[in-house]
Amino acid sequence: MARRAAILFIMTVGHATQMWRLAAMAVAVTLTVAPSARATDRPHYDVPRGYIRCAHVEAWNGFFKWASVQRTTCRYASSFMRAYAVKAAHGDMPRRLHAYRCKIRYWRNQDGDIYASRHACRRGSVAIRFYGMM
């Protein structure tokens, strides 16, 4: 009887150890995944497939930067961004400029203030993407 009790005790302890390991692994996975999920919501300089990186292009004293283009040149992107900055200085961010239609994605801080934006402007097959960073 004592031997059977000892075997049951060992089996129970072994099971508890496995459960503890499983719980520890679940916590580790959660801690590993959680920051990366938050990090994907931050603005980052991504260049989609088929686009050309124009890292040196800036406008409006460096507020607009991190440009990428599709079926146009970085030189044209620089010119477009300067024109965009002139129009933005007189009010809201323009949704249309030089026959381009622009989609804007904003990022906000905890207070609700905008601290970054991504502008994706397209005219036919030509596209210019750039970021606005405070």
N, C-alpha and C. Protein backbone atom coordinates (compact mmCIF):
# COMPACT_ATOMS: atom_id res chain seq x y z
N MET A 1 0.81 -1.18 0.00
CA MET A 1 0.00 0.00 0.00
C MET A 1 0.86 1.26 0.00
N ALA A 2 1.94 1.25 0.80
CA ALA A 2 2.83 2.41 0.86
C ALA A 2 3.50 2.63 -0.48
N ARG A 3 3.83 1.52 -1.15
CA ARG A 3 4.48 1.64 -2.45
C ARG A 3 3.52 2.28 -3.46
N ARG A 4 2.27 1.87 -3.44
CA ARG A 4 1.28 2.43 -4.35
C ARG A 4 1.08 3.93 -4.08
N ALA A 5 1.05 4.32 -2.84
CA ALA A 5 0.91 5.72 -2.47
C ALA A 5 2.11 6.53 -2.97
N ALA A 6 3.31 5.95 -2.86
CA ALA A 6 4.51 6.63 -3.33
C ALA A 6 4.46 6.81 -4.85
N ILE A 7 4.00 5.81 -5.57
CA ILE A 7 3.89 5.90 -7.03
C ILE A 7 2.87 6.97 -7.41
N LEU A 8 1.71 6.98 -6.75
CA LEU A 8 0.70 8.00 -7.03
C LEU A 8 1.23 9.40 -6.72
N PHE A 9 1.98 9.54 -5.62
CA PHE A 9 2.56 10.83 -5.26
C PHE A 9 3.52 11.32 -6.35
N ILE A 10 4.36 10.43 -6.85
CA ILE A 10 5.33 10.78 -7.90
C ILE A 10 4.59 11.18 -9.17
N MET A 11 3.54 10.41 -9.53
CA MET A 11 2.77 10.73 -10.73
C MET A 11 2.10 12.09 -10.60
N THR A 12 1.57 12.40 -9.42
CA THR A 12 0.91 13.68 -9.20
C THR A 12 1.91 14.81 -9.26
N VAL A 13 3.06 14.65 -8.65
CA VAL A 13 4.10 15.68 -8.69
C VAL A 13 4.57 15.88 -10.12
N GLY A 14 4.75 14.78 -10.85
CA GLY A 14 5.17 14.89 -12.25
C GLY A 14 4.15 15.64 -13.08
N HIS A 15 2.87 15.37 -12.84
CA HIS A 15 1.80 16.05 -13.56
C HIS A 15 1.79 17.54 -13.22
N ALA A 16 2.00 17.86 -11.95
CA ALA A 16 2.03 19.26 -11.52
C ALA A 16 3.21 19.98 -12.18
N THR A 17 4.34 19.30 -12.28
CA THR A 17 5.51 19.89 -12.92
C THR A 17 5.23 20.17 -14.39
N GLN A 18 4.56 19.24 -15.05
CA GLN A 18 4.21 19.46 -16.46
C GLN A 18 3.26 20.65 -16.61
N MET A 19 2.29 20.74 -15.72
CA MET A 19 1.35 21.86 -15.78
C MET A 19 2.07 23.18 -15.53
N TRP A 20 3.03 23.16 -14.60
CA TRP A 20 3.81 24.37 -14.30
C TRP A 20 4.62 24.77 -15.53
N ARG A 21 5.25 23.80 -16.19
CA ARG A 21 6.02 24.09 -17.41
C ARG A 21 5.11 24.65 -18.50
N LEU A 22 3.93 24.05 -18.66
CA LEU A 22 2.98 24.51 -19.66
C LEU A 22 2.55 25.95 -19.38
N ALA A 23 2.26 26.24 -18.12
CA ALA A 23 1.87 27.61 -17.75
C ALA A 23 3.01 28.59 -17.99
N ALA A 24 4.24 28.19 -17.66
CA ALA A 24 5.40 29.05 -17.88
C ALA A 24 5.61 29.32 -19.37
N MET A 25 5.42 28.29 -20.18
CA MET A 25 5.57 28.47 -21.63
C MET A 25 4.48 29.39 -22.17
N ALA A 26 3.26 29.26 -21.68
CA ALA A 26 2.17 30.13 -22.12
C ALA A 26 2.47 31.60 -21.78
N VAL A 27 2.99 31.84 -20.58
CA VAL A 27 3.36 33.20 -20.19
C VAL A 27 4.48 33.72 -21.08
N ALA A 28 5.48 32.89 -21.35
CA ALA A 28 6.60 33.30 -22.19
C ALA A 28 6.13 33.66 -23.60
N VAL A 29 5.26 32.85 -24.16
CA VAL A 29 4.74 33.12 -25.51
C VAL A 29 3.94 34.42 -25.51
N THR A 30 3.12 34.62 -24.50
CA THR A 30 2.32 35.84 -24.41
C THR A 30 3.21 37.07 -24.33
N LEU A 31 4.25 37.02 -23.52
CA LEU A 31 5.16 38.15 -23.38
C LEU A 31 5.96 38.39 -24.66
N THR A 32 6.23 37.35 -25.40
CA THR A 32 6.97 37.49 -26.65
C THR A 32 6.10 38.07 -27.74
N VAL A 33 4.87 37.65 -27.83
CA VAL A 33 3.97 38.08 -28.90
C VAL A 33 3.39 39.46 -28.63
N ALA A 34 3.07 39.79 -27.42
CA ALA A 34 2.40 41.06 -27.10
C ALA A 34 3.17 42.29 -27.57
N PRO A 35 4.47 42.44 -27.30
CA PRO A 35 5.17 43.63 -27.77
C PRO A 35 5.22 43.72 -29.29
N SER A 36 5.34 42.59 -29.97
CA SER A 36 5.41 42.65 -31.43
C SER A 36 4.08 43.04 -32.02
N ALA A 37 2.98 42.70 -31.38
CA ALA A 37 1.67 43.12 -31.87
C ALA A 37 1.53 44.63 -31.73
N ARG A 38 2.04 45.18 -30.63
CA ARG A 38 1.99 46.62 -30.45
C ARG A 38 2.92 47.32 -31.42
N ALA A 39 4.07 46.75 -31.69
CA ALA A 39 5.06 47.38 -32.56
C ALA A 39 4.58 47.50 -33.99
N THR A 40 3.70 46.62 -34.43
CA THR A 40 3.23 46.70 -35.81
C THR A 40 2.34 47.90 -36.03
N ASP A 41 1.81 48.50 -34.97
CA ASP A 41 0.95 49.65 -35.13
C ASP A 41 1.73 50.96 -35.21
N ARG A 42 3.02 50.90 -35.02
CA ARG A 42 3.84 52.10 -35.12
C ARG A 42 4.22 52.34 -36.58
N PRO A 43 4.43 53.61 -36.97
CA PRO A 43 4.87 53.86 -38.33
C PRO A 43 6.29 53.35 -38.54
N HIS A 44 6.53 52.74 -39.66
CA HIS A 44 7.87 52.29 -40.01
C HIS A 44 8.02 52.40 -41.52
N TYR A 45 9.24 52.62 -41.96
CA TYR A 45 9.53 52.86 -43.38
C TYR A 45 9.49 51.53 -44.12
N ASP A 46 8.34 51.23 -44.67
CA ASP A 46 8.23 50.02 -45.47
C ASP A 46 8.15 50.41 -46.95
N VAL A 47 8.78 49.63 -47.77
CA VAL A 47 8.76 49.85 -49.22
C VAL A 47 8.09 48.64 -49.84
N PRO A 48 6.85 48.81 -50.32
CA PRO A 48 6.15 47.65 -50.89
C PRO A 48 6.86 47.11 -52.13
N ARG A 49 6.57 45.88 -52.44
CA ARG A 49 7.13 45.25 -53.63
C ARG A 49 6.75 46.06 -54.87
N GLY A 50 7.71 46.29 -55.73
CA GLY A 50 7.47 47.07 -56.95
C GLY A 50 7.73 48.55 -56.80
N TYR A 51 8.02 49.00 -55.57
CA TYR A 51 8.33 50.40 -55.32
C TYR A 51 9.84 50.60 -55.21
N ILE A 52 10.28 51.83 -55.43
CA ILE A 52 11.68 52.20 -55.29
C ILE A 52 11.81 53.08 -54.04
N ARG A 53 12.80 52.79 -53.22
CA ARG A 53 13.06 53.56 -51.99
C ARG A 53 13.72 54.89 -52.34
N CYS A 54 13.20 55.97 -51.77
CA CYS A 54 13.76 57.31 -51.95
C CYS A 54 14.07 57.89 -50.57
N ALA A 55 15.00 57.30 -49.87
CA ALA A 55 15.27 57.65 -48.46
C ALA A 55 15.78 59.08 -48.31
N HIS A 56 16.40 59.64 -49.32
CA HIS A 56 16.99 60.98 -49.21
C HIS A 56 15.98 62.11 -49.45
N VAL A 57 14.80 61.80 -49.92
CA VAL A 57 13.80 62.81 -50.27
C VAL A 57 13.11 63.32 -49.00
N GLU A 58 13.09 64.65 -48.83
CA GLU A 58 12.42 65.28 -47.69
C GLU A 58 11.74 66.56 -48.16
N ALA A 59 10.76 67.02 -47.41
CA ALA A 59 10.09 68.29 -47.68
C ALA A 59 9.58 68.87 -46.37
N TRP A 60 9.27 70.14 -46.38
CA TRP A 60 8.71 70.86 -45.24
C TRP A 60 9.62 70.73 -44.02
N ASN A 61 10.90 71.08 -44.21
CA ASN A 61 11.92 71.05 -43.16
C ASN A 61 12.07 69.67 -42.53
N GLY A 62 11.93 68.63 -43.32
CA GLY A 62 12.12 67.27 -42.82
C GLY A 62 10.87 66.64 -42.24
N PHE A 63 9.74 67.36 -42.24
CA PHE A 63 8.50 66.76 -41.71
C PHE A 63 8.05 65.61 -42.60
N PHE A 64 8.04 65.83 -43.91
CA PHE A 64 7.71 64.76 -44.86
C PHE A 64 9.01 64.08 -45.27
N LYS A 65 9.04 62.76 -45.12
CA LYS A 65 10.25 62.01 -45.44
C LYS A 65 9.90 60.57 -45.74
N TRP A 66 10.89 59.74 -45.88
CA TRP A 66 10.74 58.30 -46.10
C TRP A 66 9.84 58.00 -47.30
N ALA A 67 10.21 58.51 -48.45
CA ALA A 67 9.39 58.34 -49.64
C ALA A 67 9.72 57.03 -50.37
N SER A 68 8.74 56.55 -51.12
CA SER A 68 8.94 55.45 -52.05
C SER A 68 8.02 55.69 -53.23
N VAL A 69 8.45 55.26 -54.42
CA VAL A 69 7.71 55.56 -55.64
C VAL A 69 7.51 54.30 -56.49
N GLN A 70 6.47 54.36 -57.30
CA GLN A 70 6.21 53.29 -58.26
C GLN A 70 5.92 53.96 -59.60
N ARG A 71 6.68 53.58 -60.62
CA ARG A 71 6.54 54.08 -61.99
C ARG A 71 6.76 55.59 -62.10
N THR A 72 7.65 56.13 -61.27
CA THR A 72 8.10 57.51 -61.39
C THR A 72 9.47 57.60 -60.74
N THR A 73 10.02 58.80 -60.65
CA THR A 73 11.38 58.97 -60.12
C THR A 73 11.35 59.60 -58.73
N CYS A 74 12.45 59.43 -58.02
CA CYS A 74 12.58 60.06 -56.71
C CYS A 74 12.63 61.58 -56.86
N ARG A 75 13.18 62.05 -57.96
CA ARG A 75 13.23 63.49 -58.21
C ARG A 75 11.81 64.06 -58.32
N TYR A 76 10.94 63.34 -59.02
CA TYR A 76 9.55 63.80 -59.13
C TYR A 76 8.86 63.72 -57.77
N ALA A 77 9.15 62.70 -57.00
CA ALA A 77 8.57 62.57 -55.66
C ALA A 77 8.96 63.75 -54.79
N SER A 78 10.20 64.19 -54.90
CA SER A 78 10.67 65.33 -54.14
C SER A 78 9.89 66.59 -54.52
N SER A 79 9.69 66.79 -55.81
CA SER A 79 8.92 67.93 -56.30
C SER A 79 7.47 67.85 -55.83
N PHE A 80 6.87 66.68 -55.92
CA PHE A 80 5.49 66.49 -55.49
C PHE A 80 5.35 66.74 -53.99
N MET A 81 6.28 66.24 -53.19
CA MET A 81 6.22 66.42 -51.75
C MET A 81 6.35 67.90 -51.36
N ARG A 82 7.18 68.65 -52.08
CA ARG A 82 7.30 70.08 -51.81
C ARG A 82 5.98 70.79 -52.10
N ALA A 83 5.34 70.45 -53.24
CA ALA A 83 4.04 71.03 -53.58
C ALA A 83 2.98 70.63 -52.55
N TYR A 84 3.04 69.40 -52.10
CA TYR A 84 2.11 68.90 -51.08
C TYR A 84 2.30 69.69 -49.79
N ALA A 85 3.54 69.95 -49.41
CA ALA A 85 3.83 70.71 -48.19
C ALA A 85 3.30 72.13 -48.28
N VAL A 86 3.43 72.76 -49.45
CA VAL A 86 2.92 74.13 -49.63
C VAL A 86 1.40 74.14 -49.42
N LYS A 87 0.72 73.17 -50.02
CA LYS A 87 -0.74 73.11 -49.87
C LYS A 87 -1.13 72.76 -48.42
N ALA A 88 -0.38 71.88 -47.77
CA ALA A 88 -0.69 71.49 -46.39
C ALA A 88 -0.47 72.64 -45.42
N ALA A 89 0.42 73.55 -45.76
CA ALA A 89 0.71 74.69 -44.88
C ALA A 89 -0.49 75.62 -44.76
N HIS A 90 -1.42 75.56 -45.71
CA HIS A 90 -2.57 76.46 -45.71
C HIS A 90 -3.84 75.81 -45.17
N GLY A 91 -3.72 74.69 -44.49
CA GLY A 91 -4.90 74.04 -43.93
C GLY A 91 -4.67 72.56 -43.70
N ASP A 92 -5.70 71.77 -43.95
CA ASP A 92 -5.62 70.33 -43.75
C ASP A 92 -4.71 69.67 -44.78
N MET A 93 -4.32 68.44 -44.48
CA MET A 93 -3.53 67.66 -45.44
C MET A 93 -4.39 67.42 -46.69
N PRO A 94 -3.85 67.75 -47.86
CA PRO A 94 -4.66 67.60 -49.07
C PRO A 94 -4.93 66.14 -49.44
N ARG A 95 -6.12 65.89 -49.89
CA ARG A 95 -6.50 64.55 -50.37
C ARG A 95 -6.34 64.46 -51.88
N ARG A 96 -6.22 65.60 -52.54
CA ARG A 96 -6.01 65.65 -54.00
C ARG A 96 -4.97 66.72 -54.31
N LEU A 97 -4.06 66.39 -55.21
CA LEU A 97 -3.04 67.34 -55.63
C LEU A 97 -2.47 66.88 -56.97
N HIS A 98 -2.43 67.77 -57.95
CA HIS A 98 -1.90 67.46 -59.29
C HIS A 98 -2.51 66.19 -59.87
N ALA A 99 -3.81 66.05 -59.77
CA ALA A 99 -4.56 64.88 -60.27
C ALA A 99 -4.25 63.59 -59.52
N TYR A 100 -3.52 63.66 -58.43
CA TYR A 100 -3.28 62.50 -57.56
C TYR A 100 -4.36 62.46 -56.50
N ARG A 101 -4.79 61.28 -56.15
CA ARG A 101 -5.70 61.07 -55.02
C ARG A 101 -4.87 60.48 -53.89
N CYS A 102 -4.97 61.06 -52.72
CA CYS A 102 -4.12 60.66 -51.60
C CYS A 102 -4.96 60.04 -50.48
N LYS A 103 -4.51 58.90 -50.00
CA LYS A 103 -5.08 58.28 -48.80
C LYS A 103 -4.10 58.53 -47.67
N ILE A 104 -4.62 58.90 -46.52
CA ILE A 104 -3.76 59.25 -45.39
C ILE A 104 -4.09 58.34 -44.21
N ARG A 105 -3.05 57.78 -43.62
CA ARG A 105 -3.17 56.95 -42.42
C ARG A 105 -2.50 57.70 -41.29
N TYR A 106 -3.22 57.97 -40.18
CA TYR A 106 -2.67 58.71 -39.04
C TYR A 106 -2.37 57.78 -37.88
N TRP A 107 -1.31 58.10 -37.13
CA TRP A 107 -0.99 57.43 -35.87
C TRP A 107 -1.15 58.46 -34.76
N ARG A 108 -1.75 58.03 -33.65
CA ARG A 108 -2.01 58.94 -32.52
C ARG A 108 -1.31 58.42 -31.27
N ASN A 109 -0.94 59.35 -30.38
CA ASN A 109 -0.36 58.97 -29.09
C ASN A 109 -1.48 58.72 -28.08
N GLN A 110 -1.13 58.49 -26.82
CA GLN A 110 -2.13 58.19 -25.79
C GLN A 110 -3.09 59.35 -25.54
N ASP A 111 -2.64 60.57 -25.81
CA ASP A 111 -3.49 61.74 -25.61
C ASP A 111 -4.43 62.00 -26.79
N GLY A 112 -4.27 61.21 -27.86
CA GLY A 112 -5.11 61.39 -29.04
C GLY A 112 -4.54 62.34 -30.07
N ASP A 113 -3.35 62.87 -29.80
CA ASP A 113 -2.71 63.79 -30.75
C ASP A 113 -2.03 63.01 -31.87
N ILE A 114 -2.11 63.52 -33.08
CA ILE A 114 -1.47 62.88 -34.23
C ILE A 114 0.03 63.13 -34.15
N TYR A 115 0.82 62.07 -34.26
CA TYR A 115 2.28 62.24 -34.25
C TYR A 115 2.94 61.73 -35.52
N ALA A 116 2.19 61.03 -36.37
CA ALA A 116 2.77 60.55 -37.64
C ALA A 116 1.64 60.27 -38.63
N SER A 117 2.01 60.28 -39.90
CA SER A 117 1.04 59.99 -40.95
C SER A 117 1.74 59.35 -42.14
N ARG A 118 1.00 58.50 -42.86
CA ARG A 118 1.52 57.93 -44.11
C ARG A 118 0.59 58.40 -45.22
N HIS A 119 1.18 58.95 -46.26
CA HIS A 119 0.43 59.48 -47.39
C HIS A 119 0.70 58.59 -48.60
N ALA A 120 -0.34 58.05 -49.16
CA ALA A 120 -0.23 57.19 -50.35
C ALA A 120 -1.00 57.88 -51.47
N CYS A 121 -0.28 58.49 -52.38
CA CYS A 121 -0.90 59.27 -53.45
C CYS A 121 -0.75 58.51 -54.76
N ARG A 122 -1.85 58.45 -55.52
CA ARG A 122 -1.86 57.65 -56.75
C ARG A 122 -2.55 58.42 -57.87
N ARG A 123 -1.98 58.31 -59.06
CA ARG A 123 -2.59 58.82 -60.29
C ARG A 123 -2.39 57.76 -61.35
N GLY A 124 -3.44 57.01 -61.64
CA GLY A 124 -3.32 55.89 -62.56
C GLY A 124 -2.41 54.83 -61.97
N SER A 125 -1.38 54.46 -62.72
CA SER A 125 -0.44 53.44 -62.24
C SER A 125 0.75 54.03 -61.50
N VAL A 126 0.83 55.36 -61.43
CA VAL A 126 1.94 56.04 -60.75
C VAL A 126 1.57 56.24 -59.28
N ALA A 127 2.50 55.93 -58.39
CA ALA A 127 2.24 56.06 -56.96
C ALA A 127 3.43 56.69 -56.24
N ILE A 128 3.11 57.54 -55.27
CA ILE A 128 4.12 58.16 -54.39
C ILE A 128 3.64 57.96 -52.96
N ARG A 129 4.49 57.37 -52.14
CA ARG A 129 4.18 57.16 -50.72
C ARG A 129 5.23 57.89 -49.90
N PHE A 130 4.79 58.54 -48.82
CA PHE A 130 5.74 59.19 -47.92
C PHE A 130 5.09 59.33 -46.55
N TYR A 131 5.92 59.64 -45.57
CA TYR A 131 5.48 59.74 -44.18
C TYR A 131 5.65 61.16 -43.68
N GLY A 132 4.78 61.55 -42.77
CA GLY A 132 4.90 62.80 -42.05
C GLY A 132 5.18 62.45 -40.59
N MET A 133 6.27 62.96 -40.05
CA MET A 133 6.67 62.60 -38.68
C MET A 133 6.93 63.87 -37.88
N MET A 134 6.33 63.93 -36.68
CA MET A 134 6.55 65.06 -35.77
C MET A 134 7.88 64.90 -35.08
